Protein backbone atom coordinates (compact mmCIF):
# COMPACT_ATOMS: atom_id res chain seq x y z
CA UNK A 1 63.84 76.94 139.79
CA UNK A 2 62.04 79.49 138.36
CA UNK A 3 64.11 82.90 139.48
CA UNK A 4 62.40 85.44 141.55
CA UNK A 5 59.74 88.27 139.56
CA UNK A 6 61.96 91.86 138.73
CA UNK A 7 58.21 93.23 140.07
CA UNK A 8 58.54 91.53 144.11
CA UNK A 9 61.17 93.80 144.18
CA UNK A 10 59.02 96.92 143.88
CA UNK A 11 57.92 98.68 147.06
CA UNK A 12 54.23 98.82 146.08
CA UNK A 13 54.77 94.99 145.91
CA UNK A 14 56.31 94.62 148.98
CA UNK A 15 53.68 97.21 150.24
CA UNK A 16 50.36 95.54 149.42
CA UNK A 17 51.79 92.14 149.81
CA UNK A 18 52.29 93.63 153.63
CA UNK A 19 48.98 94.73 153.05
CA UNK A 20 47.11 91.08 151.73
CA UNK A 21 48.64 89.66 154.89
CA UNK A 22 46.71 92.37 157.26
CA UNK A 23 43.53 91.86 155.35
CA UNK A 24 43.68 87.82 155.15
CA UNK A 25 44.78 88.19 159.28
CA UNK A 26 41.10 90.13 159.70
CA UNK A 27 39.79 87.05 157.91
CA UNK A 28 38.70 88.73 154.89
CA UNK A 29 38.55 86.58 151.95
CA UNK A 30 40.57 89.06 148.87
CA UNK A 31 39.59 86.97 145.92
CA UNK A 32 36.00 85.62 146.16
CA UNK A 33 34.05 83.42 144.31
CA UNK A 34 31.85 85.87 143.06
CA UNK A 35 30.12 88.56 143.53
CA UNK A 36 26.96 89.68 141.29
CA UNK A 37 26.37 93.99 140.60
CA UNK A 38 22.39 94.93 139.49
CA UNK A 39 23.82 97.37 137.11
CA UNK A 40 27.01 99.13 135.13
CA UNK A 41 28.67 102.62 134.79
CA UNK A 42 27.27 103.23 131.37
CA UNK A 43 23.85 102.12 132.83
CA UNK A 44 23.39 104.80 135.54
CA UNK A 45 25.18 107.83 133.89
CA UNK A 46 22.03 106.84 130.93
CA UNK A 47 19.41 106.40 133.27
CA UNK A 48 19.30 109.33 134.94
CA UNK A 49 21.58 111.78 133.21
CA UNK A 50 19.57 114.85 134.24
CA UNK A 51 17.35 113.34 135.86
CA UNK A 52 18.06 113.60 140.22
CA UNK A 53 17.50 110.66 142.22
CA UNK A 54 17.78 112.05 145.25
CA UNK A 55 20.53 114.33 147.30
CA UNK A 56 22.52 112.26 150.04
CA UNK A 57 19.67 113.34 153.02
CA UNK A 58 17.47 110.92 150.46
CA UNK A 59 20.15 107.72 150.12
CA UNK A 60 21.56 108.79 153.40
CA UNK A 61 17.71 107.61 154.80
CA UNK A 62 17.27 104.67 151.81
CA UNK A 63 14.60 106.23 150.71
CA UNK A 64 17.12 106.56 146.85
CA UNK A 65 17.14 104.12 143.87
CA UNK A 66 19.37 100.49 145.91
CA UNK A 67 22.25 99.69 143.31
CA UNK A 68 25.12 97.30 143.21
CA UNK A 69 28.04 97.83 141.09
CA UNK A 70 31.27 96.37 140.26
CA UNK A 71 35.28 97.60 139.22
CA UNK A 72 38.43 99.56 139.49
CA UNK A 73 39.09 101.62 141.77
CA UNK A 74 40.47 104.34 140.46
CA UNK A 75 40.61 107.54 142.35
CA UNK A 76 40.30 108.27 145.91
CA UNK A 77 40.90 110.53 148.30
CA UNK A 78 40.27 111.51 151.48
CA UNK A 79 37.82 114.42 153.00
CA UNK A 80 37.43 113.95 156.95
CA UNK A 81 33.78 111.83 157.34
CA UNK A 82 34.05 110.75 154.12
CA UNK A 83 36.09 109.77 151.13
CA UNK A 84 35.41 109.39 147.90
CA UNK A 85 36.38 107.28 144.47
CA UNK A 86 35.74 106.72 141.78
CA UNK A 87 34.60 102.92 140.27
CA UNK A 88 35.62 101.72 136.76
CA UNK A 89 34.76 98.75 134.61
CA UNK A 90 34.10 97.59 131.58
CA UNK A 91 31.45 100.58 130.05
CA UNK A 92 33.00 104.20 132.36
CA UNK A 93 33.51 105.57 135.36
CA UNK A 94 30.82 106.22 138.86
CA UNK A 95 32.22 108.18 141.91
CA UNK A 96 31.92 105.90 145.11
CA UNK A 97 31.04 108.02 148.41
CA UNK A 98 32.53 105.84 151.43
CA UNK A 99 30.88 107.38 155.43
CA UNK A 100 32.31 106.34 158.18
CA UNK A 101 28.41 106.26 160.08
CA UNK A 102 27.26 104.13 156.76
CA UNK A 103 30.09 101.76 154.75
CA UNK A 104 30.78 98.76 156.11
CA UNK A 105 33.04 96.06 155.10
CA UNK A 106 31.30 92.85 153.97
CA UNK A 107 33.48 89.63 154.74
CA UNK A 108 34.99 89.61 157.84
CA UNK A 109 34.89 85.72 159.12
CA UNK A 110 36.06 85.92 163.00
CA UNK A 111 37.19 82.01 163.01
CA UNK A 112 40.06 82.59 160.41
CA UNK A 113 40.82 86.01 161.34
CA UNK A 114 44.56 86.72 163.41
CA UNK A 115 43.62 89.95 164.50
CA UNK A 116 41.14 90.44 168.12
CA UNK A 117 40.35 94.24 167.30
CA UNK A 118 39.81 94.59 163.94
CA UNK A 119 39.77 97.93 162.63
CA UNK A 120 36.90 100.26 162.48
CA UNK A 121 35.15 99.97 158.58
CA UNK A 122 36.48 103.14 157.32
CA UNK A 123 39.72 102.53 157.92
CA UNK A 124 40.34 98.95 156.02
CA UNK A 125 38.24 101.89 153.24
CA UNK A 126 41.62 103.59 154.25
CA UNK A 127 44.20 101.34 154.87
CA UNK A 128 43.69 98.48 153.32
CA UNK A 129 42.60 99.40 149.91
CA UNK A 130 44.08 100.60 146.54
CA UNK A 131 44.34 101.83 143.78
CA UNK A 132 44.03 99.07 141.40
CA UNK A 133 41.30 96.81 143.93
CA UNK A 134 38.74 95.44 142.89
CA UNK A 135 35.61 96.08 144.26
CA UNK A 136 31.85 95.92 144.52
CA UNK A 137 29.85 97.96 146.60
CA UNK A 138 26.28 97.90 147.38
CA UNK A 139 24.53 101.51 148.28
CA UNK A 140 22.38 103.90 147.35
CA UNK A 141 22.07 106.02 144.32
CA UNK A 142 21.91 110.05 144.07
CA UNK A 143 23.36 113.35 143.15
CA UNK A 144 26.34 115.60 144.64
CA UNK A 145 25.74 119.50 145.77
CA UNK A 146 27.79 119.44 142.66
CA UNK A 147 25.65 117.78 140.27
CA UNK A 148 27.54 114.44 140.20
CA UNK A 149 25.88 111.04 140.13
CA UNK A 150 27.23 109.44 143.46
CA UNK A 151 26.15 106.13 145.22
CA UNK A 152 26.48 105.96 148.28
CA UNK A 153 28.68 102.99 150.13
CA UNK A 154 26.22 100.45 152.20
CA UNK A 155 28.26 97.86 151.83
CA UNK A 156 32.62 97.25 150.56
CA UNK A 157 33.42 93.68 148.96
CA UNK A 158 37.22 92.92 148.38
CA UNK A 159 36.37 91.45 145.10
CA UNK A 160 40.82 91.76 144.39
CA UNK A 161 43.83 92.23 145.49
CA UNK A 162 45.85 94.34 143.36
CA UNK A 163 49.47 93.72 144.25
CA UNK A 164 51.44 95.82 141.60
CA UNK A 165 49.87 99.50 140.62
CA UNK A 166 48.36 100.96 137.55
CA UNK A 167 50.61 102.62 135.82
CA UNK A 168 51.64 106.30 136.12
CA UNK A 169 48.59 106.95 138.97
CA UNK A 170 45.93 106.20 136.66
CA UNK A 171 47.60 109.11 133.89
CA UNK A 172 47.53 106.66 131.38
CA UNK A 173 50.87 105.38 129.05
CA UNK A 174 52.84 107.13 126.79
CA UNK A 175 55.13 104.51 126.29
CA UNK A 176 53.89 102.69 122.86
CA UNK A 177 55.96 99.86 123.12
CA UNK A 178 54.72 98.96 126.40
CA UNK A 179 51.11 99.93 125.70
CA UNK A 180 51.56 97.00 123.16
CA UNK A 181 53.67 94.24 125.06
CA UNK A 182 51.15 95.15 127.87
CA UNK A 183 48.02 95.34 126.51
CA UNK A 184 46.04 95.62 130.05
CA UNK A 185 47.55 98.43 131.46
CA UNK A 186 46.39 99.81 127.68
CA UNK A 187 43.26 99.10 128.25
CA UNK A 188 42.83 100.19 131.93
CA UNK A 189 44.80 103.06 131.65
CA UNK A 190 43.12 104.23 127.96
CA UNK A 191 39.25 103.52 127.26
CA UNK A 192 39.71 104.88 123.56
CA UNK A 193 41.82 100.74 122.89
CA UNK A 194 38.67 99.41 124.78
CA UNK A 195 36.91 101.35 122.48
CA UNK A 196 38.61 100.06 119.13
CA UNK A 197 39.07 96.53 119.67
CA UNK A 198 34.50 97.27 120.50
CA UNK A 199 34.68 98.34 117.62
CA UNK A 200 36.31 94.98 115.85
CA UNK A 201 34.15 92.33 117.30
CA UNK A 202 31.36 94.34 116.41
CA UNK A 203 33.41 94.55 112.90
CA UNK A 204 33.43 90.99 112.64
CA UNK A 205 29.89 90.17 113.57
CA UNK A 206 28.72 92.53 110.27
CA UNK A 207 31.54 90.20 108.16
CA UNK A 208 30.52 86.56 109.42
CA UNK A 209 26.76 88.05 108.42
CA UNK A 210 27.03 89.85 105.49
CA UNK A 211 28.16 85.87 104.32
CA UNK A 212 25.63 84.28 105.84
CA UNK A 213 22.73 86.39 104.35
CA UNK A 214 24.68 85.42 101.52
CA UNK A 215 24.65 81.42 101.87
CA UNK A 216 27.53 80.84 102.56
CA UNK A 217 28.42 78.27 104.37
CA UNK A 218 31.07 79.27 107.66
CA UNK A 219 33.54 76.17 107.45
CA UNK A 220 36.96 75.41 109.62
CA UNK A 221 39.90 74.67 107.35
CA UNK A 222 43.83 73.10 109.10
CA UNK A 223 45.54 75.76 110.17
CA UNK A 224 48.74 72.59 110.09
CA UNK A 225 49.62 71.83 106.50
CA UNK A 226 51.16 69.39 105.15
CA UNK A 227 51.64 71.70 102.52
CA UNK A 228 51.20 75.15 102.54
CA UNK A 229 50.42 77.50 99.35
CA UNK A 230 47.56 79.93 97.90
CA UNK A 231 49.90 83.07 98.32
CA UNK A 232 53.55 84.31 97.54
CA UNK A 233 54.80 84.36 101.61
CA UNK A 234 56.80 82.52 103.45
CA UNK A 235 56.76 79.43 105.73
CA UNK A 236 56.05 79.64 109.11
CA UNK A 237 58.07 76.07 109.58
CA UNK A 238 57.82 73.18 113.18
CA UNK A 239 57.82 69.97 113.47
CA UNK A 240 54.81 67.36 115.00
CA UNK A 241 55.84 64.70 117.21
CA UNK A 242 53.23 62.13 116.76
CA UNK A 243 54.00 61.40 113.59
CA UNK A 244 57.59 62.90 112.56
CA UNK A 245 57.32 65.49 110.21
CA UNK A 246 57.49 68.36 109.20
CA UNK A 247 54.55 70.39 109.15
CA UNK A 248 53.79 74.79 108.26
CA UNK A 249 51.31 76.94 109.69
CA UNK A 250 49.06 77.90 106.75
CA UNK A 251 49.88 81.48 105.26
CA UNK A 252 46.77 81.25 103.06
CA UNK A 253 42.98 79.81 103.71
CA UNK A 254 42.98 79.05 99.95
CA UNK A 255 43.45 76.10 99.01
CA UNK A 256 41.27 73.75 101.69
CA UNK A 257 38.00 75.53 101.09
CA UNK A 258 39.13 75.10 97.38
CA UNK A 259 38.62 71.95 97.58
CA UNK A 260 35.22 71.80 99.16
CA UNK A 261 33.63 73.65 96.54
CA UNK A 262 35.18 70.87 94.24
CA UNK A 263 32.91 68.82 97.57
CA UNK A 264 29.83 70.36 96.22
CA UNK A 265 29.99 72.99 98.61
CA UNK A 266 29.28 75.74 96.76
CA UNK A 267 29.50 79.37 98.40
CA UNK A 268 31.98 78.83 101.76
CA UNK A 269 33.54 80.80 103.76
CA UNK A 270 36.34 81.11 107.08
CA UNK A 271 37.62 83.72 108.66
CA UNK A 272 41.42 82.68 110.07
CA UNK A 273 44.85 83.14 112.02
CA UNK A 274 46.60 83.42 108.38
CA UNK A 275 50.72 82.71 109.30
CA UNK A 276 53.88 84.65 107.05
CA UNK A 277 56.64 84.52 107.74
CA UNK A 278 57.63 88.51 106.98
CA UNK A 279 58.74 92.12 107.44
CA UNK A 280 56.91 93.71 110.49
CA UNK A 281 55.50 97.19 109.21
CA UNK A 282 52.01 99.79 110.31
CA UNK A 283 50.03 97.79 107.99
CA UNK A 284 52.00 94.03 107.77
CA UNK A 285 52.04 91.13 111.31
CA UNK A 286 53.68 88.27 110.74
CA UNK A 287 50.35 86.44 112.33
CA UNK A 288 47.28 88.55 111.07
CA UNK A 289 43.06 87.78 109.82
CA UNK A 290 42.02 86.39 106.61
CA UNK A 291 38.75 86.36 105.76
CA UNK A 292 38.19 84.16 102.65
CA UNK A 293 35.39 83.41 101.26
CA UNK A 294 35.04 81.69 97.27
CA UNK A 295 31.22 81.43 95.66
CA UNK A 296 30.24 78.03 92.27
CA UNK A 297 29.51 80.31 89.83
CA UNK A 298 30.91 83.98 90.54
CA UNK A 299 33.15 85.21 87.95
CA UNK A 300 35.41 88.22 89.52
CA UNK A 301 32.63 90.51 88.74
CA UNK A 302 30.66 89.76 91.21
CA UNK A 303 33.63 89.44 93.45
CA UNK A 304 33.55 93.35 93.14
CA UNK A 305 30.00 94.19 93.55
CA UNK A 306 30.36 91.65 96.72
CA UNK A 307 33.45 93.15 98.18
CA UNK A 308 32.21 96.62 98.26
CA UNK A 309 28.58 96.17 98.78
CA UNK A 310 30.31 94.50 102.45
CA UNK A 311 32.01 98.22 102.76
CA UNK A 312 29.21 99.77 101.87
CA UNK A 313 27.19 97.61 104.79
CA UNK A 314 29.30 97.68 107.20
CA UNK A 315 30.17 101.25 107.29
CA UNK A 316 25.73 101.92 107.46
CA UNK A 317 25.81 99.94 110.61
CA UNK A 318 28.76 101.38 112.28
CA UNK A 319 27.58 104.98 111.19
CA UNK A 320 24.20 105.14 109.56
CA UNK A 321 26.06 106.32 106.39
CA UNK A 322 28.27 105.03 104.13
CA UNK A 323 31.42 106.75 104.31
CA UNK A 324 34.16 107.25 107.22
CA UNK A 325 36.38 109.99 107.67
CA UNK A 326 40.21 108.85 108.39
CA UNK A 327 43.48 111.23 108.33
CA UNK A 328 45.12 111.50 105.26
CA UNK A 329 48.94 112.54 105.42
CA UNK A 330 47.77 115.12 108.17
CA UNK A 331 44.50 115.64 106.85
CA UNK A 332 40.91 114.14 107.40
CA UNK A 333 39.42 112.81 104.36
CA UNK A 334 36.04 111.55 104.28
CA UNK A 335 36.68 107.87 102.91
CA UNK A 336 33.12 107.35 100.13
CA UNK A 337 32.63 104.01 100.50
CA UNK A 338 29.50 103.29 98.40
CA UNK A 339 28.77 101.02 95.38
CA UNK A 340 29.96 101.16 93.14
CA UNK A 341 33.83 101.50 92.78
CA UNK A 342 35.63 103.05 90.54
CA UNK A 343 37.18 100.19 88.44
CA UNK A 344 40.93 100.79 86.43
CA UNK A 345 43.64 98.50 85.42
CA UNK A 346 46.34 97.87 86.07
CA UNK A 347 48.05 100.01 83.29
CA UNK A 348 45.13 102.70 83.48
CA UNK A 349 46.14 102.99 86.94
CA UNK A 350 49.70 103.98 85.93
CA UNK A 351 48.99 106.29 83.23
CA UNK A 352 46.25 108.01 85.65
CA UNK A 353 48.25 108.52 88.67
CA UNK A 354 52.17 108.00 87.37
CA UNK A 355 51.69 109.18 84.46
CA UNK A 356 53.36 106.53 82.47
CA UNK A 357 52.05 104.38 79.61
CA UNK A 358 53.45 102.06 79.69
CA UNK A 359 51.64 99.81 76.14
CA UNK A 360 53.68 103.06 74.96
CA UNK A 361 57.37 101.10 76.20
CA UNK A 362 59.98 98.46 75.25
CA UNK A 363 60.54 96.17 77.86
CA UNK A 364 64.04 98.03 78.02
CA UNK A 365 62.40 101.04 78.76
CA UNK A 366 59.93 99.54 80.42
CA UNK A 367 62.94 98.16 82.57
CA UNK A 368 64.80 100.99 83.32
CA UNK A 369 61.46 103.26 85.04
CA UNK A 370 61.22 100.27 87.13
CA UNK A 371 64.75 100.81 87.99
CA UNK A 372 64.13 105.13 88.56
CA UNK A 373 61.10 104.56 90.44
CA UNK A 374 61.31 101.83 92.82
CA UNK A 375 64.28 100.60 94.92
CA UNK A 376 64.74 97.50 92.24
CA UNK A 377 67.89 96.73 91.65
CA UNK A 378 68.89 96.99 87.86
CA UNK A 379 70.57 93.13 87.71
CA UNK A 380 67.84 91.97 89.58
CA UNK A 381 65.23 94.42 86.55
CA UNK A 382 66.86 92.76 83.60
CA UNK A 383 65.89 89.47 85.01
CA UNK A 384 61.97 90.75 85.84
CA UNK A 385 59.33 89.86 82.29
CA UNK A 386 57.28 91.92 81.60
CA UNK A 387 54.07 91.58 83.40
CA UNK A 388 56.45 91.86 86.31
CA UNK A 389 58.22 95.08 85.96
CA UNK A 390 54.33 96.74 85.51
CA UNK A 391 53.52 94.92 88.44
CA UNK A 392 56.28 96.78 90.17
CA UNK A 393 55.23 99.86 88.03
CA UNK A 394 52.23 99.65 89.44
CA UNK A 395 53.52 100.36 93.71
CA UNK A 396 54.68 103.90 93.47
CA UNK A 397 51.55 104.95 92.31
CA UNK A 398 49.73 102.71 95.48
CA UNK A 399 49.54 105.71 97.73
CA UNK A 400 47.67 107.56 95.03
CA UNK A 401 44.28 105.95 95.47
CA UNK A 402 42.49 107.26 98.05
CA UNK A 403 39.01 107.22 97.47
CA UNK A 404 38.32 102.93 96.61
CA UNK A 405 38.85 101.77 93.83
CA UNK A 406 39.15 97.95 92.21
CA UNK A 407 42.22 97.64 90.60
CA UNK A 408 42.28 94.78 87.80
CA UNK A 409 43.68 92.84 84.98
CA UNK A 410 47.03 92.28 86.38
CA UNK A 411 49.84 90.20 84.62
CA UNK A 412 49.82 86.83 85.20
CA UNK A 413 53.06 86.78 86.82
CA UNK A 414 51.36 88.08 90.01
CA UNK A 415 49.93 84.82 90.56
CA UNK A 416 49.30 80.82 89.77
CA UNK A 417 45.59 80.55 91.02
CA UNK A 418 43.50 82.90 88.87
CA UNK A 419 42.12 82.26 85.28
CA UNK A 420 43.35 84.07 82.18
CA UNK A 421 41.33 86.99 80.80
CA UNK A 422 38.11 86.60 78.40
CA UNK A 423 39.34 89.04 76.39
CA UNK A 424 41.39 87.48 73.74
CA UNK A 425 43.25 90.34 73.24
CA UNK A 426 43.39 90.41 77.50
CA UNK A 427 44.51 87.12 76.88
CA UNK A 428 47.76 87.77 74.95
CA UNK A 429 49.18 90.58 76.57
CA UNK A 430 49.33 88.03 79.51
CA UNK A 431 46.50 89.70 81.53
CA UNK A 432 44.25 87.34 83.81
CA UNK A 433 40.99 87.90 86.22
CA UNK A 434 42.38 88.76 89.31
CA UNK A 435 41.16 92.37 90.79
CA UNK A 436 42.67 94.01 94.28
CA UNK A 437 40.96 96.77 96.21
CA UNK A 438 42.74 99.54 97.54
CA UNK A 439 41.14 102.40 100.46
CA UNK A 440 43.26 104.87 102.10
CA UNK A 441 46.52 103.59 99.72
CA UNK A 442 46.52 100.06 100.69
CA UNK A 443 45.30 97.44 99.40
CA UNK A 444 41.88 95.93 101.67
CA UNK A 445 41.13 92.82 99.74
CA UNK A 446 42.56 90.65 96.56
CA UNK A 447 40.00 88.27 94.00
CA UNK A 448 40.28 86.11 91.35
CA UNK A 449 38.39 84.49 89.01
CA UNK A 450 39.32 81.19 89.95
CA UNK A 451 41.44 78.87 87.72
CA UNK A 452 39.55 75.58 86.84
CA UNK A 453 41.67 74.58 84.33
CA UNK A 454 43.29 71.73 85.29
CA UNK A 455 45.76 71.81 82.65
CA UNK A 456 47.32 75.63 83.25
CA UNK A 457 47.17 75.21 86.65
CA UNK A 458 49.81 72.38 86.22
CA UNK A 459 52.36 74.63 84.50
CA UNK A 460 51.54 77.49 86.65
CA UNK A 461 52.95 75.96 89.17
CA UNK A 462 55.01 73.82 88.82
CA UNK A 463 56.77 76.52 87.26
CA UNK A 464 56.45 77.86 91.04
CA UNK A 465 57.41 75.25 92.07
CA UNK A 466 60.76 76.37 89.59
CA UNK A 467 60.97 79.40 91.08
CA UNK A 468 61.02 77.80 94.92
CA UNK A 469 63.72 75.28 93.72
CA UNK A 470 66.10 77.92 92.57
CA UNK A 471 66.32 79.94 96.16
CA UNK A 472 62.54 82.28 96.07
CA UNK A 473 61.75 81.86 99.17
CA UNK A 474 57.43 83.11 98.26
CA UNK A 475 57.47 81.01 95.00
CA UNK A 476 54.39 77.97 95.66
CA UNK A 477 55.20 74.50 95.84
CA UNK A 478 53.28 71.73 93.68
CA UNK A 479 50.57 70.66 95.90
CA UNK A 480 50.19 67.25 93.94
CA UNK A 481 47.15 66.62 96.29
CA UNK A 482 45.49 70.09 95.02
CA UNK A 483 46.01 69.18 91.85
CA UNK A 484 43.96 65.97 92.33
CA UNK A 485 41.32 68.07 93.34
CA UNK A 486 41.14 70.69 90.54
CA UNK A 487 41.18 67.27 88.56
CA UNK A 488 38.28 65.88 89.87
CA UNK A 489 35.85 69.47 88.67
CA UNK A 490 36.11 73.05 89.68
CA UNK A 491 32.88 74.88 89.04
CA UNK A 492 33.03 78.21 87.49
CA UNK A 493 34.18 80.22 90.96
CA UNK A 494 34.97 83.57 92.04
CA UNK A 495 37.27 83.94 94.76
CA UNK A 496 37.71 86.78 97.75
CA UNK A 497 40.28 87.48 100.64
CA UNK A 498 40.41 90.44 102.87
CA UNK A 499 42.31 91.84 105.85
CA UNK A 500 40.63 91.85 108.93
CA UNK A 501 43.40 93.87 110.51
CA UNK A 502 43.42 96.58 108.32
CA UNK A 503 39.32 96.28 108.05
CA UNK A 504 39.09 97.05 111.16
CA UNK A 505 42.17 99.97 110.76
CA UNK A 506 39.80 101.82 107.68
CA UNK A 507 36.45 102.35 110.39
CA UNK A 508 38.35 103.04 113.67
CA UNK A 509 40.91 105.67 111.90
CA UNK A 510 43.76 104.22 112.75
CA UNK A 511 47.38 103.72 111.11
CA UNK A 512 49.65 100.73 112.43
CA UNK A 513 48.15 97.34 112.67
CA UNK A 514 49.36 97.47 115.75
CA UNK A 515 46.04 99.92 117.88
CA UNK A 516 43.97 96.55 116.15
CA UNK A 517 45.51 93.26 117.02
CA UNK A 518 44.56 93.09 121.54
CA UNK A 519 48.62 91.65 121.46
CA UNK A 520 50.75 92.54 118.16
CA UNK A 521 53.95 90.70 117.73
CA UNK A 522 56.92 92.57 119.72
CA UNK A 523 60.27 91.86 119.74
CA UNK A 524 61.76 89.48 123.23
CA UNK A 525 62.78 91.85 125.62
CA UNK A 526 66.70 91.93 125.62
CA UNK A 527 66.63 89.72 123.08
CA UNK A 528 69.23 91.50 120.05
CA UNK A 529 68.24 90.16 116.86
CA UNK A 530 68.31 91.70 113.04
CA UNK A 531 66.55 94.26 112.29
CA UNK A 532 63.03 93.82 110.76
CA UNK A 533 62.22 93.28 106.40
CA UNK A 534 60.67 96.98 107.21
CA UNK A 535 60.37 99.86 108.74
CA UNK A 536 57.77 100.64 112.03
């Protein structure tokens, strides 16, 4: 038997539960099946704007426009013969006026009533309705003498009795943890939060249209996989009872999509959830949304242009301009997304923004610089290759990349899935045709000229598998099925991955990934465990 929830002892819950019984005893259904509003609050406010649909006398005489609205009762005050309330729907709030002589409660069923003499309609409204209840109101729209657009309620229908109150008398939620954990209350109390999530939906629509317009086919690949890969990350492990075998939640969309390109689907993309068993901070959530795409016969230069054009398109569709405001270090900065973006190699970025020319440093000097400028232990640095040291040093300048940058030509140690550079000199230095896009000091995209040489691909994945066996939990395992597909021929291909959550953060000026996820990962209430890998 389950325990009684804590809220059952809440005074408000007890009081409202008693009202619920009274309502049922009156023969009124507190949870009807359907209601048909004709207008939203926003529609009425926009339709009438500064217009006057009539005064109270016109509404009382049935001469002003008839409307039907529905929403949550969020304000109520009785004033003698009249009472005023605010009804909030998904578009905003509208004032409603209840009148003792005009307003009637619908839904009475005498056959179900257990009370011989029901209360007056106005008494029902004043004594049985509570803030948080959903109500439907049919009536006449008019302007009060103070100029506020109002609906004179002729018929009032209780649509859903709320047994618990809204937070803090609907003044809003101040506690961040409660807002994230109980997002439905956050949405009720803070209309700007709902606006952020509506923008998220619009951004996803723009992304889909952009790929579709460029002849990409949207596909779906498995979330449960027998073999994970495509990123440096620790997976979540589960067990499939039906086949009695271990399964992994995918950490990337990459490998299945490349198999589809091998199969002749030249341009594919997927928007989906991926799962990485790693830390939690302002820009990381173990479950997040990724868009990945692969285009046959493209290289990373094509993908760079494609990426910056996508960001520019989103800005234009949302705001009608190519720049967006974003707060950086307490100051609002206009981020200019118009293509083309600045392109720097990883080594050039370290020189420009960090003042270090790595080409002039010996391996020992580079190692010393990494120890001094990062949190890398000396013993760990001793084991790092030159390419890994350069990548570690680059992380110290990421915060300087405020305006859009493509950081190109990475060391081969950063990925086993990318083509060596076509420039023989750069290839000899161990550089690959990879870029990451940085804006406001954060990585927004990752892209390659995809490695399609099966011999080199096997060598690199074998190296990763060896690291995995030596204890590197984020190294790639060997995937023989993927290798088989590559052996059957992958054309030259440009691949791209963009984190949707960070994309939404940029276009909504949010600074925590939790503010763009409906239900971010939270520690179980009452659970005491080890701290997250990264500070929040």
